[in-house]
Each structure stands twice: as C-alpha cells, then as structure tokens.
C-alpha atoms as a PDB file:
ATOM      1  CA  MET A   1      70.404  82.041  88.841  1.00  0.00           C
ATOM      2  CA  LEU A   2      68.345  84.696  86.898  1.00  0.00           C
ATOM      3  CA  ASP A   3      68.314  82.491  84.001  1.00  0.00           C
ATOM      4  CA  ILE A   4      67.089  79.517  85.882  1.00  0.00           C
ATOM      5  CA  ALA A   5      64.209  81.793  87.384  1.00  0.00           C
ATOM      6  CA  GLU A   6      63.455  83.533  83.776  1.00  0.00           C
ATOM      7  CA  ALA A   7      63.276  79.603  82.621  1.00  0.00           C
ATOM      8  CA  ILE A   8      60.631  78.975  85.194  1.00  0.00           C
ATOM      9  CA  PHE A   9      58.634  82.282  84.707  1.00  0.00           C
ATOM     10  CA  ASN A  10      58.311  81.189  80.958  1.00  0.00           C
ATOM     11  CA  MET A  11      57.101  77.596  82.134  1.00  0.00           C
ATOM     12  CA  ILE A  12      54.579  79.450  84.504  1.00  0.00           C
ATOM     13  CA  ALA A  13      53.239  82.018  81.678  1.00  0.00           C
ATOM     14  CA  GLN A  14      52.674  79.047  79.270  1.00  0.00           C
ATOM     15  CA  CYS A  15      50.974  76.991  81.826  1.00  0.00           C
ATOM     16  CA  LEU A  16      48.755  80.503  82.499  1.00  0.00           C
ATOM     17  CA  MET A  17      48.092  81.257  78.733  1.00  0.00           C
ATOM     18  CA  GLN A  18      47.115  77.379  77.927  1.00  0.00           C
ATOM     19  CA  ARG A  19      44.556  77.363  80.467  1.00  0.00           C
ATOM     20  CA  ASN A  20      43.648  81.348  79.659  1.00  0.00           C
ATOM     21  CA  LEU A  21      44.326  82.247  83.108  1.00  0.00           C
ATOM     22  CA  THR A  22      45.648  85.439  84.714  1.00  0.00           C
ATOM     23  CA  VAL A  23      48.243  85.892  87.557  1.00  0.00           C
ATOM     24  CA  LYS A  24      45.532  87.308  89.954  1.00  0.00           C
ATOM     25  CA  GLN A  25      42.990  84.177  88.930  1.00  0.00           C
ATOM     26  CA  THR A  26      45.508  81.697  89.706  1.00  0.00           C
ATOM     27  CA  PHE A  27      47.548  83.158  92.847  1.00  0.00           C
ATOM     28  CA  GLY A  28      45.053  85.495  94.120  1.00  0.00           C
ATOM     29  CA  GLY A  29      42.403  83.458  95.572  1.00  0.00           C
ATOM     30  CA  GLU A  30      41.288  83.774  99.099  1.00  0.00           C
ATOM     31  CA  ASP A  31      42.815  80.342  99.722  1.00  0.00           C
ATOM     32  CA  MET A  32      46.227  81.385  99.267  1.00  0.00           C
ATOM     33  CA  ILE A  33      46.273  85.304  99.884  1.00  0.00           C
ATOM     34  CA  HIS A  34      47.094  86.808 103.405  1.00  0.00           C
ATOM     35  CA  VAL A  35      46.408  90.605 103.455  1.00  0.00           C
ATOM     36  CA  LEU A  36      48.983  92.821 105.624  1.00  0.00           C
ATOM     37  CA  GLU A  37      47.766  95.678 107.017  1.00  0.00           C
ATOM     38  CA  GLU A  38      50.992  97.724 106.214  1.00  0.00           C
ATOM     39  CA  PHE A  39      54.248  96.542 104.506  1.00  0.00           C
ATOM     40  CA  GLU A  40      56.906  98.803 103.150  1.00  0.00           C
ATOM     41  CA  GLY A  41      54.601 101.939 103.444  1.00  0.00           C
ATOM     42  CA  GLN A  42      51.802 100.371 101.325  1.00  0.00           C
ATOM     43  CA  GLU A  43      48.628  99.534 103.131  1.00  0.00           C
ATOM     44  CA  ASN A  44      46.805  96.130 102.427  1.00  0.00           C
ATOM     45  CA  VAL A  45      49.542  94.380 100.820  1.00  0.00           C
ATOM     46  CA  GLU A  46      48.568  90.922  99.538  1.00  0.00           C
ATOM     47  CA  VAL A  47      51.100  88.178  99.932  1.00  0.00           C
ATOM     48  CA  MET A  48      51.194  84.312  99.737  1.00  0.00           C
ATOM     49  CA  THR A  49      53.633  81.771 101.367  1.00  0.00           C
ATOM     50  CA  ALA A  50      56.276  80.295  98.969  1.00  0.00           C
ATOM     51  CA  ASP A  51      54.627  76.978  99.720  1.00  0.00           C
ATOM     52  CA  ASP A  52      51.462  78.094  98.517  1.00  0.00           C
ATOM     53  CA  PHE A  53      52.948  79.684  95.453  1.00  0.00           C
ATOM     54  CA  ILE A  54      54.890  76.309  94.408  1.00  0.00           C
ATOM     55  CA  THR A  55      51.923  74.251  95.145  1.00  0.00           C
ATOM     56  CA  ARG A  56      49.689  76.402  92.883  1.00  0.00           C
ATOM     57  CA  CYS A  57      52.487  76.246  90.091  1.00  0.00           C
ATOM     58  CA  TYR A  58      52.314  72.430  90.178  1.00  0.00           C
ATOM     59  CA  GLU A  59      48.491  72.635  89.916  1.00  0.00           C
ATOM     60  CA  ILE A  60      48.517  74.619  86.807  1.00  0.00           C
ATOM     61  CA  GLY A  61      50.875  72.112  85.093  1.00  0.00           C
ATOM     62  CA  VAL A  62      54.417  73.454  85.920  1.00  0.00           C
ATOM     63  CA  GLU A  63      56.455  70.171  86.111  1.00  0.00           C
ATOM     64  CA  GLU A  64      58.190  69.337  89.421  1.00  0.00           C
ATOM     65  CA  LEU A  65      61.040  71.602  90.216  1.00  0.00           C
ATOM     66  CA  GLN A  66      64.370  70.779  91.749  1.00  0.00           C
ATOM     67  CA  PRO A  67      65.363  72.319  94.930  1.00  0.00           C
ATOM     68  CA  VAL A  68      67.730  74.634  93.178  1.00  0.00           C
ATOM     69  CA  GLN A  69      65.222  75.724  90.938  1.00  0.00           C
ATOM     70  CA  ILE A  70      62.986  76.709  94.039  1.00  0.00           C
ATOM     71  CA  ALA A  71      65.829  78.478  95.568  1.00  0.00           C
ATOM     72  CA  CYS A  72      66.365  80.595  92.466  1.00  0.00           C
ATOM     73  CA  LEU A  73      62.740  81.626  92.497  1.00  0.00           C
ATOM     74  CA  MET A  74      62.533  82.610  96.070  1.00  0.00           C
ATOM     75  CA  ARG A  75      65.859  84.795  95.653  1.00  0.00           C
ATOM     76  CA  VAL A  76      63.850  86.526  92.977  1.00  0.00           C
ATOM     77  CA  LEU A  77      60.324  86.780  94.328  1.00  0.00           C
ATOM     78  CA  GLY A  78      60.718  86.009  98.298  1.00  0.00           C
ATOM     79  CA  LYS A  79      60.870  88.789 100.718  1.00  0.00           C
ATOM     80  CA  PRO A  80      63.306  87.373 103.500  1.00  0.00           C
ATOM     81  CA  GLU A  81      61.943  89.939 105.896  1.00  0.00           C
ATOM     82  CA  LEU A  82      58.243  87.946 105.746  1.00  0.00           C
ATOM     83  CA  SER A  83      59.701  84.592 105.670  1.00  0.00           C
ATOM     84  CA  ASN A  84      60.038  84.302 101.974  1.00  0.00           C
ATOM     85  CA  ALA A  85      56.469  85.237 101.464  1.00  0.00           C
ATOM     86  CA  ILE A  86      55.794  86.640  97.756  1.00  0.00           C
ATOM     87  CA  ARG A  87      53.711  90.072  97.193  1.00  0.00           C
ATOM     88  CA  LEU A  88      50.879  89.338  94.678  1.00  0.00           C
ATOM     89  CA  ASN A  89      51.461  92.690  93.006  1.00  0.00           C
ATOM     90  CA  GLU A  90      54.937  92.117  92.555  1.00  0.00           C
ATOM     91  CA  LEU A  91      54.582  88.657  90.925  1.00  0.00           C
ATOM     92  CA  GLU A  92      51.807  90.285  88.433  1.00  0.00           C
ATOM     93  CA  ILE A  93      54.299  92.773  87.433  1.00  0.00           C
ATOM     94  CA  LEU A  94      56.985  90.289  86.786  1.00  0.00           C
ATOM     95  CA  MET A  95      54.877  87.925  84.980  1.00  0.00           C
ATOM     96  CA  ALA A  96      53.560  90.784  82.754  1.00  0.00           C
ATOM     97  CA  ASN A  97      57.198  90.404  81.072  1.00  0.00           C
ATOM     98  CA  PHE A  98      56.152  86.914  80.256  1.00  0.00           C
ATOM     99  CA  GLY A  99      53.026  86.975  78.459  1.00  0.00           C
ATOM    100  CA  PRO A 100      49.994  86.257  80.707  1.00  0.00           C
ATOM    101  CA  PRO A 101      47.290  88.995  80.819  1.00  0.00           C
ATOM    102  CA  SER A 102      46.752  90.712  83.712  1.00  0.00           C
ATOM    103  CA  PRO A 103      43.557  92.440  84.833  1.00  0.00           C
ATOM    104  CA  ASN A 104      45.302  95.599  85.975  1.00  0.00           C
ATOM    105  CA  PRO A 105      46.485  97.742  83.134  1.00  0.00           C
ATOM    106  CA  GLU A 106      49.385  99.138  84.906  1.00  0.00           C
ATOM    107  CA  TYR A 107      50.943  95.948  84.721  1.00  0.00           C
ATOM    108  CA  ARG A 108      50.800  95.472  81.066  1.00  0.00           C
ATOM    109  CA  ALA A 109      54.260  94.609  79.793  1.00  0.00           C
ATOM    110  CA  GLY A 110      55.746  97.620  77.892  1.00  0.00           C
ATOM    111  CA  GLN A 111      54.444 100.247  80.133  1.00  0.00           C
ATOM    112  CA  ASP A 112      56.468 102.552  82.621  1.00  0.00           C
ATOM    113  CA  ILE A 113      55.457 103.482  85.957  1.00  0.00           C
ATOM    114  CA  GLY A 114      53.510 106.216  84.739  1.00  0.00           C
ATOM    115  CA  GLY A 115      51.318 104.077  82.621  1.00  0.00           C
ATOM    116  CA  GLU A 116      52.398 105.507  79.066  1.00  0.00           C
ATOM    117  CA  ASP A 117      53.118 102.828  76.601  1.00  0.00           C
ATOM    118  CA  GLN A 118      56.743 102.806  75.581  1.00  0.00           C
ATOM    119  CA  TYR A 119      56.190 101.230  72.109  1.00  0.00           C
ATOM    120  CA  ASP A 120      53.221 103.498  71.230  1.00  0.00           C
ATOM    121  CA  ASP A 121      52.804 102.948  67.509  1.00  0.00           C
ATOM    122  CA  LYS A 122      50.952 106.387  67.168  1.00  0.00           C
ATOM    123  CA  ARG A 123      54.191 108.386  67.662  1.00  0.00           C
ATOM    124  CA  ASP A 124      56.127 109.422  64.698  1.00  0.00           C
ATOM    125  CA  PRO A 125      59.512 107.744  64.572  1.00  0.00           C
ATOM    126  CA  GLN A 126      61.169 110.482  63.098  1.00  0.00           C
ATOM    127  CA  GLU A 127      60.308 112.863  65.813  1.00  0.00           C
ATOM    128  CA  HIS A 128      60.536 110.308  68.842  1.00  0.00           C
ATOM    129  CA  PRO A 129      63.165 107.575  68.315  1.00  0.00           C
ATOM    130  CA  ASP A 130      62.663 104.613  70.321  1.00  0.00           C
ATOM    131  CA  GLN A 131      63.985 104.484  73.718  1.00  0.00           C
ATOM    132  CA  ARG A 132      66.140 101.163  73.089  1.00  0.00           C
ATOM    133  CA  GLY A 133      68.117 103.150  70.269  1.00  0.00           C
ATOM    134  CA  ASP A 134      67.916 100.119  67.767  1.00  0.00           C
ATOM    135  CA  GLY A 135      65.210 101.577  65.744  1.00  0.00           C
ATOM    136  CA  ALA A 136      62.807  98.700  66.202  1.00  0.00           C
ATOM    137  CA  LYS A 137      59.296  99.144  67.578  1.00  0.00           C
ATOM    138  CA  ASP A 138      58.044  95.593  67.526  1.00  0.00           C
ATOM    139  CA  GLY A 139      60.814  94.300  70.225  1.00  0.00           C
ATOM    140  CA  SER A 140      63.269  92.954  67.194  1.00  0.00           C
ATOM    141  CA  LYS A 141      66.431  94.329  66.719  1.00  0.00           C
ATOM    142  CA  LYS A 142      67.233  95.950  63.284  1.00  0.00           C
ATOM    143  CA  ASN A 143      70.128  94.426  61.619  1.00  0.00           C
ATOM    144  CA  LYS A 144      72.905  96.930  61.078  1.00  0.00           C
ATOM    145  CA  LYS A 145      75.389  96.455  58.283  1.00  0.00           C
ATOM    146  CA  LYS A 146      79.167  96.418  59.354  1.00  0.00           C
ATOM    147  CA  LYS A 147      81.414  98.444  57.084  1.00  0.00           C
END
C-alpha cells in the first residue's frame, strides 16, 4: 500500500516541478479549500475533499489513477473522521519529501520540527556525526568494505 502511494506522490511531485508549482499554489486555492474553525486542537485548519484533490492531480498532468491507487492515497492522506478530507498542511509536509518547493520554510525536506536543518553542511563531521550513522551528508550511503 505505501509503495503504491509513494509512487503516486512521486508522480504528483514531478508534475508540480514540471509546471514550477508549489503544493499550496496547486491545492490551496479558494475553489478547493474549506477552513475548519477548529480540528484536533488547531484553529483555522485548511482541508480539501478527496475528490477535489484527485481532480486537481489530473489537471496538473497525473495520469488516470486506478481505484486501488486512490484507496492507497486516501489511507495515507485522508482523515476518516472528516469523510476522508485532506489537510493542506499535512499534504505540504508530506510532499516536501518528494521535491516540490514549499513556500513554508518549516516544510522543507530535511528539517526537523524545530526547524534546524538535519543536514547542515556547516557542522564539523568529526564533532557532529550525522544522525543516520552511515557517514553520508548528501543522502547517499557510503559503501562499507566487508572484511
């Protein structure tokens, strides 16, 4: 299920990047967004219907999705307590992992909740080993020789 959703998120990201669009520009329009006064302790939560999300995906060039693919997306994105509505901020956070730019700096890939870049190249690698433990800062894994 997650591999299917991930493949679709990659397709969405590629379509956004080809059109030089952000998630907010694409999915955050007044024609799609409904604002909930309060949800899960947060005020003014922006949500969209699953149908609006899928329709906008098609409008930006995502190929026609099969029902099983849509079901996988909704398992990841949808809020069952809101009839599978999708929170815009959660979509932005998730999509930041796939590459399209976000106007919100706290949603940049590679950042923790506090906003510090986990892969800050200014750190001395001797004093601050990376958090993955593979020694790579560029996202690649170093080849370790087996003895």
